[in-house]
C-alpha atoms as a PDB file:
ATOM      1  CA  MET A   1       5.852  38.961  17.708  1.00  0.00           C
ATOM      2  CA  ALA A   2       8.958  37.701  16.006  1.00  0.00           C
ATOM      3  CA  ARG A   3       8.708  35.273  13.121  1.00  0.00           C
ATOM      4  CA  PRO A   4      10.397  31.908  13.496  1.00  0.00           C
ATOM      5  CA  PRO A   5      13.661  31.602  11.511  1.00  0.00           C
ATOM      6  CA  GLU A   6      13.323  30.209   8.006  1.00  0.00           C
ATOM      7  CA  PRO A   7      14.519  26.576   7.792  1.00  0.00           C
ATOM      8  CA  ASP A   8      18.003  26.113   6.337  1.00  0.00           C
ATOM      9  CA  PRO A   9      17.336  24.621   2.754  1.00  0.00           C
ATOM     10  CA  GLN A  10      20.342  22.303   3.106  1.00  0.00           C
ATOM     11  CA  ALA A  11      19.065  20.997   6.388  1.00  0.00           C
ATOM     12  CA  VAL A  12      15.586  20.450   4.817  1.00  0.00           C
ATOM     13  CA  ALA A  13      17.129  18.737   1.867  1.00  0.00           C
ATOM     14  CA  ALA A  14      19.229  16.469   4.056  1.00  0.00           C
ATOM     15  CA  ALA A  15      16.261  15.519   6.212  1.00  0.00           C
ATOM     16  CA  GLN A  16      14.279  14.730   3.113  1.00  0.00           C
ATOM     17  CA  ALA A  17      17.021  12.613   1.665  1.00  0.00           C
ATOM     18  CA  ALA A  18      17.460  10.768   5.018  1.00  0.00           C
ATOM     19  CA  ARG A  19      13.677  10.059   5.089  1.00  0.00           C
ATOM     20  CA  ALA A  20      13.724   8.816   1.493  1.00  0.00           C
ATOM     21  CA  ALA A  21      16.625   6.506   2.336  1.00  0.00           C
ATOM     22  CA  ARG A  22      14.816   5.071   5.349  1.00  0.00           C
ATOM     23  CA  ASP A  23      11.664   4.583   3.253  1.00  0.00           C
ATOM     24  CA  ARG A  24      13.667   2.722   0.574  1.00  0.00           C
ATOM     25  CA  GLU A  25      15.293   0.532   3.183  1.00  0.00           C
ATOM     26  CA  ALA A  26      11.950  -0.282   4.731  1.00  0.00           C
ATOM     27  CA  ALA A  27      10.541  -1.136   1.323  1.00  0.00           C
ATOM     28  CA  VAL A  28      13.496  -3.351   0.476  1.00  0.00           C
ATOM     29  CA  ALA A  29      13.177  -5.151   3.887  1.00  0.00           C
ATOM     30  CA  ARG A  30       9.428  -5.633   3.377  1.00  0.00           C
ATOM     31  CA  HIS A  31       9.969  -7.142  -0.084  1.00  0.00           C
ATOM     32  CA  ILE A  32      12.717  -9.398   1.120  1.00  0.00           C
ATOM     33  CA  ARG A  33      10.475 -10.728   3.881  1.00  0.00           C
ATOM     34  CA  GLU A  34       7.707 -11.292   1.354  1.00  0.00           C
ATOM     35  CA  ALA A  35      10.114 -13.005  -1.132  1.00  0.00           C
ATOM     36  CA  ARG A  36      11.431 -15.329   1.568  1.00  0.00           C
ATOM     37  CA  SER A  37       7.961 -16.093   2.778  1.00  0.00           C
ATOM     38  CA  ALA A  38       6.691 -16.867  -0.853  1.00  0.00           C
ATOM     39  CA  PHE A  39       9.746 -19.069  -1.411  1.00  0.00           C
ATOM     40  CA  ALA A  40       9.131 -21.015   1.843  1.00  0.00           C
ATOM     41  CA  LYS A  41       5.526 -21.586   0.640  1.00  0.00           C
ATOM     42  CA  GLN A  42       6.885 -22.862  -2.700  1.00  0.00           C
ATOM     43  CA  ASP A  43       5.310 -19.828  -4.401  1.00  0.00           C
ATOM     44  CA  LEU A  44       8.155 -19.291  -6.896  1.00  0.00           C
ATOM     45  CA  GLU A  45       6.112 -16.756  -8.982  1.00  0.00           C
ATOM     46  CA  GLY A  46       5.522 -14.694  -5.803  1.00  0.00           C
ATOM     47  CA  ALA A  47       9.133 -14.972  -4.747  1.00  0.00           C
ATOM     48  CA  ILE A  48      10.329 -13.837  -8.175  1.00  0.00           C
ATOM     49  CA  ARG A  49       7.947 -11.018  -8.173  1.00  0.00           C
ATOM     50  CA  GLU A  50       9.095  -9.720  -4.812  1.00  0.00           C
ATOM     51  CA  TRP A  51      12.775 -10.081  -5.677  1.00  0.00           C
ATOM     52  CA  ASN A  52      12.023  -8.050  -8.741  1.00  0.00           C
ATOM     53  CA  GLU A  53      10.549  -5.415  -6.563  1.00  0.00           C
ATOM     54  CA  VAL A  54      13.694  -5.370  -4.454  1.00  0.00           C
ATOM     55  CA  LEU A  55      15.796  -5.002  -7.578  1.00  0.00           C
ATOM     56  CA  LYS A  56      13.588  -2.121  -8.803  1.00  0.00           C
ATOM     57  CA  ILE A  57      14.474  -0.228  -5.643  1.00  0.00           C
ATOM     58  CA  ASP A  58      18.000  -1.496  -5.267  1.00  0.00           C
ATOM     59  CA  PRO A  59      19.393  -2.872  -8.536  1.00  0.00           C
ATOM     60  CA  ASP A  60      22.757  -3.679  -7.064  1.00  0.00           C
ATOM     61  CA  ASN A  61      21.327  -5.796  -4.184  1.00  0.00           C
ATOM     62  CA  ARG A  62      23.370  -8.989  -4.491  1.00  0.00           C
ATOM     63  CA  THR A  63      21.277 -11.008  -2.269  1.00  0.00           C
ATOM     64  CA  ALA A  64      18.143 -10.181  -4.299  1.00  0.00           C
ATOM     65  CA  GLN A  65      20.080 -10.993  -7.465  1.00  0.00           C
ATOM     66  CA  LEU A  66      21.232 -14.388  -6.204  1.00  0.00           C
ATOM     67  CA  GLU A  67      17.891 -15.393  -4.549  1.00  0.00           C
ATOM     68  CA  ARG A  68      15.944 -14.361  -7.608  1.00  0.00           C
ATOM     69  CA  GLN A  69      18.203 -16.471  -9.798  1.00  0.00           C
ATOM     70  CA  LYS A  70      17.808 -19.459  -7.424  1.00  0.00           C
ATOM     71  CA  ALA A  71      14.002 -19.146  -7.694  1.00  0.00           C
ATOM     72  CA  VAL A  72      14.056 -18.742 -11.467  1.00  0.00           C
ATOM     73  CA  GLU A  73      16.279 -21.829 -11.851  1.00  0.00           C
ATOM     74  CA  LEU A  74      14.167 -24.042  -9.552  1.00  0.00           C
ATOM     75  CA  GLN A  75      11.040 -22.774 -11.391  1.00  0.00           C
ATOM     76  CA  GLU A  76      12.641 -23.842 -14.738  1.00  0.00           C
ATOM     77  CA  ARG A  77      13.584 -27.259 -13.284  1.00  0.00           C
ATOM     78  CA  LEU A  78      10.068 -27.845 -12.124  1.00  0.00           C
ATOM     79  CA  ARG A  79       8.682 -26.934 -15.562  1.00  0.00           C
ATOM     80  CA  ARG A  80      10.985 -29.421 -17.165  1.00  0.00           C
ATOM     81  CA  LEU A  81       9.586 -32.156 -14.880  1.00  0.00           C
ATOM     82  CA  LYS A  82       6.055 -31.528 -15.905  1.00  0.00           C
END
């Protein structure tokens, strides 16, 4: 009985890279949903925490940078009112 051909190392690496990219995209999308949900519930700490998670995965995510800054500024304004 013939042995199956060995997988092409480049094809294996490309498939692994594609899966890792999909996993990162899914994680970013999940954290974005959680951040927006927390913000909508006025949970600024939770929103900031989730935006931080997005930025750990994707430091150049402009949306996360801006939305995090918005939550931080609002949190600071609320602290000053107390």
